[in-house]
């Protein structure tokens, strides 16, 4: 065999496992990954992230002692709501979650808001619909 071919094969045998090892370490230790709890040097912390599509997601962010629901898409992040009664719970799988459609929430809130004289969730629904239509 030609000497150049042997040197190329030797380099391949040395550097290919090195590249594979570095790729494994990057995936294993999640360098640059932003899932789960990510604590920064300040008081801003990503609590949860829920992917809605390939281009949009919802995030719960803690700033100091306050929690905010942030919508993220192709454009700038959008503040959807402040969550005054949000409790950050560890993900144990023991938390029960009630699932209902947005329409049923609006209907339920319209009856509640008549009693309280407020219409805040209708505004949240409008923001939500703008966010969803922006992601498409």
Protein backbone atom coordinates (compact mmCIF):
# COMPACT_ATOMS: atom_id res chain seq x y z
CA UNK A 1 0.00 0.00 0.00
CA UNK A 2 0.97 3.56 -0.50
CA UNK A 3 2.57 5.34 2.45
CA UNK A 4 0.09 8.30 2.29
CA UNK A 5 -2.85 5.92 2.46
CA UNK A 6 -1.40 4.22 5.55
CA UNK A 7 -0.88 7.59 7.27
CA UNK A 8 -4.46 8.62 6.45
CA UNK A 9 -5.81 5.37 7.90
CA UNK A 10 -3.66 5.79 11.02
CA UNK A 11 -4.99 9.34 11.52
CA UNK A 12 -8.53 8.06 11.04
CA UNK A 13 -8.00 5.34 13.67
CA UNK A 14 -6.67 7.93 16.13
CA UNK A 15 -9.00 10.87 15.61
CA UNK A 16 -12.33 9.14 14.88
CA UNK A 17 -12.62 7.60 18.39
CA UNK A 18 -11.54 10.95 19.84
CA UNK A 19 -14.34 12.78 18.02
CA UNK A 20 -16.86 10.11 19.03
CA UNK A 21 -15.75 10.38 22.66
CA UNK A 22 -16.13 14.15 22.68
CA UNK A 23 -19.59 13.87 21.09
CA UNK A 24 -20.59 11.33 23.75
CA UNK A 25 -19.39 13.57 26.58
CA UNK A 26 -21.27 16.53 25.13
CA UNK A 27 -24.52 14.57 24.93
CA UNK A 28 -24.00 12.81 28.26
CA UNK A 29 -23.31 15.90 30.34
CA UNK A 30 -25.66 18.17 28.38
CA UNK A 31 -23.35 21.05 27.63
CA UNK A 32 -25.61 23.93 26.62
CA UNK A 33 -28.83 22.07 27.39
CA UNK A 34 -31.71 24.08 28.90
CA UNK A 35 -34.14 21.47 30.18
CA UNK A 36 -35.27 21.02 33.73
CA UNK A 37 -34.12 23.45 36.36
CA UNK A 38 -31.41 25.78 35.25
CA UNK A 39 -30.04 28.09 37.89
CA UNK A 40 -28.15 31.16 36.85
CA UNK A 41 -25.89 33.35 38.93
CA UNK A 42 -28.77 35.74 39.75
CA UNK A 43 -32.34 35.30 40.86
CA UNK A 44 -33.69 34.28 37.44
CA UNK A 45 -34.44 30.56 37.12
CA UNK A 46 -36.14 28.42 34.46
CA UNK A 47 -38.54 26.16 36.35
CA UNK A 48 -40.36 24.28 33.59
CA UNK A 49 -40.54 24.18 29.81
CA UNK A 50 -43.39 22.63 27.80
CA UNK A 51 -42.86 22.22 24.04
CA UNK A 52 -46.01 23.02 22.05
CA UNK A 53 -44.57 22.52 18.57
CA UNK A 54 -41.16 22.39 16.97
CA UNK A 55 -41.00 26.19 17.01
CA UNK A 56 -42.88 27.20 20.17
CA UNK A 57 -43.04 26.37 23.85
CA UNK A 58 -44.25 27.62 27.19
CA UNK A 59 -41.89 28.29 30.06
CA UNK A 60 -42.36 29.02 33.75
CA UNK A 61 -39.67 31.39 34.99
CA UNK A 62 -38.99 32.40 38.59
CA UNK A 63 -37.69 35.89 39.16
CA UNK A 64 -37.08 36.52 42.84
CA UNK A 65 -40.16 35.06 44.50
CA UNK A 66 -42.52 35.65 41.55
CA UNK A 67 -43.42 33.19 38.79
CA UNK A 68 -44.20 34.12 35.19
CA UNK A 69 -45.62 32.17 32.24
CA UNK A 70 -43.60 33.01 29.11
CA UNK A 71 -44.54 32.07 25.54
CA UNK A 72 -41.62 31.44 23.21
CA UNK A 73 -41.81 31.14 19.44
CA UNK A 74 -39.90 32.39 16.42
CA UNK A 75 -40.25 36.00 17.53
CA UNK A 76 -39.49 37.60 20.86
CA UNK A 77 -40.68 35.89 24.06
CA UNK A 78 -44.11 37.02 25.24
CA UNK A 79 -45.21 37.42 28.85
CA UNK A 80 -48.53 35.58 29.00
CA UNK A 81 -49.31 35.83 32.71
CA UNK A 82 -47.94 36.18 36.19
CA UNK A 83 -48.61 33.07 38.28
CA UNK A 84 -49.21 34.37 41.81
CA UNK A 85 -50.27 30.99 43.22
CA UNK A 86 -47.76 28.79 41.37
CA UNK A 87 -46.06 26.16 43.50
CA UNK A 88 -42.83 24.73 42.14
CA UNK A 89 -43.07 21.02 42.94
CA UNK A 90 -40.43 18.40 42.30
CA UNK A 91 -41.25 16.14 39.35
CA UNK A 92 -42.23 12.96 41.19
CA UNK A 93 -45.15 11.95 39.01
CA UNK A 94 -47.52 12.06 41.99
CA UNK A 95 -49.12 15.40 41.14
CA UNK A 96 -52.65 15.21 39.75
CA UNK A 97 -53.38 17.55 36.88
CA UNK A 98 -56.85 18.42 35.63
CA UNK A 99 -56.90 18.73 31.85
CA UNK A 100 -59.60 20.81 30.18
CA UNK A 101 -59.96 22.71 26.94
CA UNK A 102 -59.40 26.45 26.67
CA UNK A 103 -63.02 26.91 25.65
CA UNK A 104 -64.27 25.26 28.85
CA UNK A 105 -61.91 27.47 30.85
CA UNK A 106 -63.34 30.56 29.19
CA UNK A 107 -66.90 29.41 29.82
CA UNK A 108 -66.09 28.59 33.43
CA UNK A 109 -64.32 31.90 33.91
CA UNK A 110 -67.11 33.89 32.28
CA UNK A 111 -69.49 32.58 34.92
CA UNK A 112 -66.91 33.20 37.66
CA UNK A 113 -66.01 36.65 36.30
CA UNK A 114 -69.65 37.73 36.34
CA UNK A 115 -69.69 36.92 40.03
CA UNK A 116 -66.40 38.77 40.60
CA UNK A 117 -66.84 41.45 37.95
CA UNK A 118 -63.56 40.62 36.16
CA UNK A 119 -62.73 39.35 32.66
CA UNK A 120 -59.00 38.60 32.89
CA UNK A 121 -58.99 35.04 31.39
CA UNK A 122 -60.69 36.30 28.22
CA UNK A 123 -57.66 38.56 27.75
CA UNK A 124 -55.36 35.60 28.48
CA UNK A 125 -57.21 33.53 25.88
CA UNK A 126 -56.78 36.30 23.31
CA UNK A 127 -53.03 36.46 24.09
CA UNK A 128 -52.83 32.66 23.88
CA UNK A 129 -54.57 32.58 20.50
CA UNK A 130 -52.21 35.30 19.19
CA UNK A 131 -49.25 33.27 20.47
CA UNK A 132 -50.45 30.06 18.83
CA UNK A 133 -51.20 31.75 15.51
CA UNK A 134 -47.78 33.47 15.60
CA UNK A 135 -45.99 30.10 15.89
CA UNK A 136 -47.52 28.72 12.66
